[in-house]
Amino acid sequence: MTLIAGPVRAAEDPNPVLAKVNGTEIRKSDVALAEEELGPSLAQMDPASRDDNVLSFLIDMKLVAKAAEDKKIGDSEDFKKRLAFTRNRLLMDSLLASEGKAATSDDAMKKVYEEASKQIGGEQEVHARHILVETEDEAKAVKAELDKGADFAELAKKKSKDPGASDGGDLGFFTKEQMVPEFANVAFTLEPGKISDPVKTQFGWHVIKVEEKRNRKPPEFDQVKSQIETYVTRKAQADYVAKLRADAKIERTADAGKPADAAKPTEAKK
């Protein structure tokens, strides 16, 4: 039996050259880096044409950058200052990103979640209904009907001016901070099943019925993981910068909003 060897395919280059500009290569990794840096400005671009548009941008950038070098623009003091600023900004962003990433372990985030859950778990929520009318006399009349045994939900459908009247005035569960103080203070004082006297707020006159109370249930960890990650990241970065400031000798020699001379005390004329 004869074995005929076919051509051996070369290993595919994971970072191929996509273009050359006067001999200077632009690789796939260059396009990926540009897309990362240009992120927000590419959000509305069609994904199918994004890579090609970014490659065209890089080609133009290479051409213009070479022309700028030929004109010695990079030798100007203004350019050098801007380059130094950009370098420092990139160094800062890179280090803070690293510090933030190091802080966001699952254990660290779960610890923050557990501490927050204890606070949230102790917060009370009230499930209530209300009937909203324009005047105190109307509110007193509503309360009188309820005292005689009228059904609260049905009366809310007939009398309430609130958009939730069709739901029998049902407000669902809410925390104290979610309502105006005048309303919340009464609602959180009432026992379940009890109906309030008329209560005045900026919206009008209310008659409130508390259906039930409970301690607020904290969300599951996975529901808030991204928010916790953002919080832990920013806190770690802020703490890192605060430590650097504490260990550094910083002298402000002038007010940034004023000319240097204006920040100095003026001498009295002789």
Protein backbone atom coordinates (compact mmCIF):
# COMPACT_ATOMS: atom_id res chain seq x y z
CA MET A 1 0.00 0.00 0.00
CA THR A 2 1.34 3.42 -0.94
CA LEU A 3 0.77 6.46 1.23
CA ILE A 4 0.68 9.73 -0.67
CA ALA A 5 1.46 12.69 1.52
CA GLY A 6 -0.53 15.83 0.77
CA PRO A 7 0.78 19.35 1.29
CA VAL A 8 1.26 20.24 4.93
CA ARG A 9 -0.85 23.28 5.86
CA ALA A 10 1.08 25.93 7.73
CA ALA A 11 -0.19 26.76 11.18
CA GLU A 12 -2.64 29.66 11.02
CA ASP A 13 -1.14 32.89 12.32
CA PRO A 14 -3.22 34.03 15.33
CA ASN A 15 -2.09 37.60 14.75
CA PRO A 16 -1.98 38.09 10.99
CA VAL A 17 -0.81 41.19 9.16
CA LEU A 18 -3.92 42.98 7.87
CA ALA A 19 -2.24 45.85 6.04
CA LYS A 20 1.11 47.51 5.37
CA VAL A 21 1.61 51.25 5.19
CA ASN A 22 4.87 52.11 3.47
CA GLY A 23 6.23 48.83 4.83
CA THR A 24 4.91 49.29 8.39
CA GLU A 25 2.68 46.38 9.43
CA ILE A 26 -0.77 46.66 10.98
CA ARG A 27 -1.77 43.41 12.66
CA LYS A 28 -5.02 41.99 13.97
CA SER A 29 -3.91 42.81 17.53
CA ASP A 30 -3.51 46.47 16.52
CA VAL A 31 -7.14 46.56 15.39
CA ALA A 32 -8.26 44.89 18.64
CA LEU A 33 -6.33 47.43 20.72
CA ALA A 34 -7.78 50.33 18.73
CA GLU A 35 -11.31 48.99 19.21
CA GLU A 36 -10.69 48.74 22.95
CA GLU A 37 -9.41 52.32 23.11
CA LEU A 38 -12.13 53.72 20.84
CA GLY A 39 -14.86 51.68 22.56
CA PRO A 40 -17.70 54.21 23.12
CA SER A 41 -17.28 55.84 19.70
CA LEU A 42 -17.78 52.46 18.00
CA ALA A 43 -20.95 51.54 19.88
CA GLN A 44 -23.31 52.65 17.08
CA MET A 45 -21.20 51.15 14.29
CA ASP A 46 -22.37 48.09 12.37
CA PRO A 47 -20.38 45.13 13.82
CA ALA A 48 -20.03 43.66 10.32
CA SER A 49 -18.03 46.66 9.10
CA ARG A 50 -16.40 47.70 12.39
CA ASP A 51 -13.07 45.89 11.92
CA ASP A 52 -12.68 47.24 8.38
CA ASN A 53 -13.48 50.80 9.48
CA VAL A 54 -11.01 50.59 12.36
CA LEU A 55 -8.35 49.23 10.00
CA SER A 56 -8.96 52.20 7.67
CA PHE A 57 -8.61 54.52 10.67
CA LEU A 58 -5.28 52.91 11.61
CA ILE A 59 -4.00 53.27 8.04
CA ASP A 60 -4.87 56.97 8.09
CA MET A 61 -3.33 57.33 11.54
CA LYS A 62 -0.05 55.78 10.37
CA LEU A 63 0.10 58.10 7.35
CA VAL A 64 -0.70 61.25 9.31
CA ALA A 65 1.63 60.30 12.17
CA LYS A 66 4.51 59.81 9.73
CA ALA A 67 3.77 63.18 8.12
CA ALA A 68 3.76 64.77 11.60
CA GLU A 69 7.13 63.19 12.39
CA ASP A 70 8.55 64.54 9.14
CA LYS A 71 7.42 68.02 10.20
CA LYS A 72 9.13 67.52 13.60
CA ILE A 73 5.84 68.10 15.43
CA GLY A 74 6.92 65.57 18.03
CA ASP A 75 9.85 67.80 18.98
CA SER A 76 7.69 70.71 20.18
CA GLU A 77 7.41 71.38 23.92
CA ASP A 78 3.62 71.34 23.73
CA PHE A 79 3.66 67.88 22.15
CA LYS A 80 6.12 66.56 24.73
CA LYS A 81 3.89 67.83 27.56
CA ARG A 82 0.82 66.21 26.04
CA LEU A 83 2.73 62.96 25.50
CA ALA A 84 3.92 62.97 29.12
CA PHE A 85 0.36 63.62 30.33
CA THR A 86 -1.02 60.79 28.18
CA ARG A 87 1.70 58.44 29.42
CA ASN A 88 0.99 59.29 33.06
CA ARG A 89 -2.75 58.90 32.52
CA LEU A 90 -2.24 55.49 30.92
CA LEU A 91 0.07 54.40 33.75
CA MET A 92 -2.49 55.56 36.32
CA ASP A 93 -5.41 53.83 34.58
CA SER A 94 -3.45 50.59 34.18
CA LEU A 95 -2.33 50.43 37.80
CA LEU A 96 -5.74 51.34 39.22
CA ALA A 97 -7.40 48.76 36.98
CA SER A 98 -4.97 46.17 38.35
CA GLU A 99 -5.65 47.20 41.95
CA GLY A 100 -9.39 47.09 41.36
CA LYS A 101 -9.26 43.67 39.75
CA ALA A 102 -7.15 42.27 42.59
CA ALA A 103 -9.75 43.45 45.12
CA THR A 104 -12.77 41.86 43.45
CA SER A 105 -12.37 38.28 44.61
CA ASP A 106 -15.59 36.31 45.21
CA ASP A 107 -14.80 36.20 48.94
CA ALA A 108 -14.39 39.99 49.14
CA MET A 109 -17.59 40.65 47.20
CA LYS A 110 -19.60 38.15 49.24
CA LYS A 111 -18.40 39.81 52.44
CA VAL A 112 -19.71 43.17 51.19
CA TYR A 113 -22.96 41.47 50.15
CA GLU A 114 -23.44 39.88 53.58
CA GLU A 115 -22.84 43.18 55.39
CA ALA A 116 -25.27 45.02 53.12
CA SER A 117 -27.84 42.22 53.46
CA LYS A 118 -27.87 42.63 57.24
CA GLN A 119 -28.77 46.30 56.85
CA ILE A 120 -31.35 45.67 54.13
CA GLY A 121 -32.82 42.70 55.99
CA GLY A 122 -33.60 44.88 58.99
CA GLU A 123 -35.48 47.47 56.93
CA GLN A 124 -39.25 47.27 57.18
CA GLU A 125 -41.63 47.34 54.22
CA VAL A 126 -45.34 48.07 54.28
CA HIS A 127 -48.00 46.84 51.86
CA ALA A 128 -50.78 49.42 51.78
CA ARG A 129 -53.72 50.78 49.84
CA HIS A 130 -54.91 54.36 49.74
CA ILE A 131 -57.76 56.51 48.52
CA LEU A 132 -56.71 59.95 47.28
CA VAL A 133 -59.20 62.84 47.13
CA GLU A 134 -58.88 66.60 46.79
CA THR A 135 -60.41 67.93 50.02
CA GLU A 136 -60.48 67.08 53.69
CA ASP A 137 -64.28 66.86 53.65
CA GLU A 138 -64.13 64.27 50.87
CA ALA A 139 -61.55 62.30 52.86
CA LYS A 140 -63.73 62.39 55.98
CA ALA A 141 -66.71 61.15 53.97
CA VAL A 142 -64.61 58.27 52.60
CA LYS A 143 -63.46 57.36 56.12
CA ALA A 144 -67.07 57.39 57.34
CA GLU A 145 -68.10 54.94 54.61
CA LEU A 146 -65.19 52.66 55.50
CA ASP A 147 -66.11 52.78 59.18
CA LYS A 148 -69.57 51.55 58.19
CA GLY A 149 -68.03 48.51 56.51
CA ALA A 150 -67.50 49.59 52.89
CA ASP A 151 -64.91 47.54 50.99
CA PHE A 152 -61.69 49.58 50.75
CA ALA A 153 -60.64 48.35 47.30
CA GLU A 154 -64.08 48.90 45.77
CA LEU A 155 -64.37 52.36 47.30
CA ALA A 156 -60.91 53.24 45.97
CA LYS A 157 -62.03 52.32 42.45
CA LYS A 158 -64.99 54.68 42.75
CA LYS A 159 -63.56 57.60 44.70
CA SER A 160 -59.76 57.75 44.38
CA LYS A 161 -58.07 60.25 42.05
CA ASP A 162 -54.82 58.25 42.10
CA PRO A 163 -53.71 56.44 38.89
CA GLY A 164 -53.76 53.19 40.91
CA ALA A 165 -57.48 53.50 41.65
CA SER A 166 -58.30 50.74 39.15
CA ASP A 167 -56.17 48.38 41.27
CA GLY A 168 -58.16 49.22 44.37
CA GLY A 169 -55.58 51.79 45.48
CA ASP A 170 -52.97 49.05 45.92
CA LEU A 171 -49.47 50.51 46.34
CA GLY A 172 -47.71 47.19 46.83
CA PHE A 173 -44.77 46.99 49.23
CA PHE A 174 -42.67 50.08 49.85
CA THR A 175 -40.01 51.32 52.26
CA LYS A 176 -40.34 54.45 54.35
CA GLU A 177 -37.96 56.40 52.12
CA GLN A 178 -40.06 55.70 49.02
CA MET A 179 -43.02 57.77 50.21
CA VAL A 180 -43.39 61.41 51.25
CA PRO A 181 -42.86 61.76 55.03
CA GLU A 182 -46.46 62.64 55.92
CA PHE A 183 -47.74 59.50 54.21
CA ALA A 184 -44.93 57.20 55.34
CA ASN A 185 -45.12 58.20 59.01
CA VAL A 186 -48.78 57.21 59.19
CA ALA A 187 -48.45 54.05 57.09
CA PHE A 188 -45.58 52.69 59.17
CA THR A 189 -47.41 53.46 62.43
CA LEU A 190 -50.64 51.66 61.51
CA GLU A 191 -51.09 47.99 62.35
CA PRO A 192 -52.08 45.61 59.52
CA GLY A 193 -55.81 45.76 58.80
CA LYS A 194 -56.20 49.25 60.29
CA ILE A 195 -57.40 52.34 58.39
CA SER A 196 -56.05 55.84 59.00
CA ASP A 197 -57.80 59.12 59.53
CA PRO A 198 -57.40 61.58 56.63
CA VAL A 199 -53.76 62.44 55.90
CA LYS A 200 -52.70 65.57 53.99
CA THR A 201 -49.74 65.57 51.59
CA GLN A 202 -48.69 67.68 48.62
CA PHE A 203 -50.85 65.43 46.43
CA GLY A 204 -54.11 65.89 48.32
CA TRP A 205 -55.91 64.02 51.10
CA HIS A 206 -55.37 60.29 51.68
CA VAL A 207 -57.11 57.56 53.60
CA ILE A 208 -54.64 54.69 54.10
CA LYS A 209 -55.14 51.02 54.84
CA VAL A 210 -52.17 48.84 55.80
CA GLU A 211 -52.48 45.29 54.49
CA GLU A 212 -49.29 43.77 55.88
CA LYS A 213 -45.75 44.47 57.06
CA ARG A 214 -42.53 42.57 56.58
CA ASN A 215 -38.77 42.91 56.79
CA ARG A 216 -37.30 43.71 53.41
CA LYS A 217 -35.78 40.68 51.69
CA PRO A 218 -32.31 41.37 50.28
CA PRO A 219 -31.72 40.51 46.60
CA GLU A 220 -29.78 37.38 45.69
CA PHE A 221 -26.00 37.75 45.35
CA ASP A 222 -26.05 37.08 41.60
CA GLN A 223 -28.64 39.83 41.09
CA VAL A 224 -26.35 42.51 42.52
CA LYS A 225 -22.92 41.01 41.82
CA SER A 226 -22.08 43.53 39.09
CA GLN A 227 -23.04 46.45 41.35
CA ILE A 228 -20.94 45.04 44.19
CA GLU A 229 -18.02 44.52 41.82
CA THR A 230 -18.21 48.17 40.75
CA TYR A 231 -18.38 49.33 44.38
CA VAL A 232 -15.45 47.14 45.52
CA THR A 233 -13.36 48.17 42.50
CA ARG A 234 -13.89 51.90 43.05
CA LYS A 235 -13.33 51.65 46.79
CA ALA A 236 -10.07 49.73 46.30
CA GLN A 237 -8.88 52.33 43.80
CA ALA A 238 -9.85 55.25 46.05
CA ASP A 239 -8.16 53.62 49.06
CA TYR A 240 -4.99 53.03 47.02
CA VAL A 241 -4.83 56.68 45.92
CA ALA A 242 -5.58 57.85 49.48
CA LYS A 243 -2.63 55.78 50.78
CA LEU A 244 -0.31 57.22 48.13
CA ARG A 245 -1.40 60.72 49.13
CA ALA A 246 -0.89 59.96 52.82
CA ASP A 247 2.66 58.73 52.16
CA ALA A 248 3.59 61.60 49.83
CA LYS A 249 4.77 65.13 50.45
CA ILE A 250 2.38 67.35 48.51
CA GLU A 251 2.80 71.10 48.33
CA ARG A 252 0.30 73.34 46.60
CA THR A 253 2.13 76.52 45.74
CA ALA A 254 -0.71 78.31 43.93
CA ASP A 255 -4.45 78.21 43.39
CA ALA A 256 -5.10 76.25 40.17
CA GLY A 257 -7.91 78.65 39.29
CA LYS A 258 -5.80 81.78 39.54
CA PRO A 259 -2.55 83.06 38.02
CA ALA A 260 0.47 82.20 40.18
CA ASP A 261 1.05 85.86 41.10
CA ALA A 262 -2.56 86.28 42.24
CA ALA A 263 -2.13 83.47 44.77
CA LYS A 264 0.73 85.28 46.53
CA PRO A 265 0.04 87.91 49.19
CA THR A 266 0.71 91.37 47.87
CA GLU A 267 3.26 93.58 49.58
CA ALA A 268 2.16 96.94 50.95
CA LYS A 269 3.45 99.89 49.00
CA LYS A 270 6.05 102.01 50.77
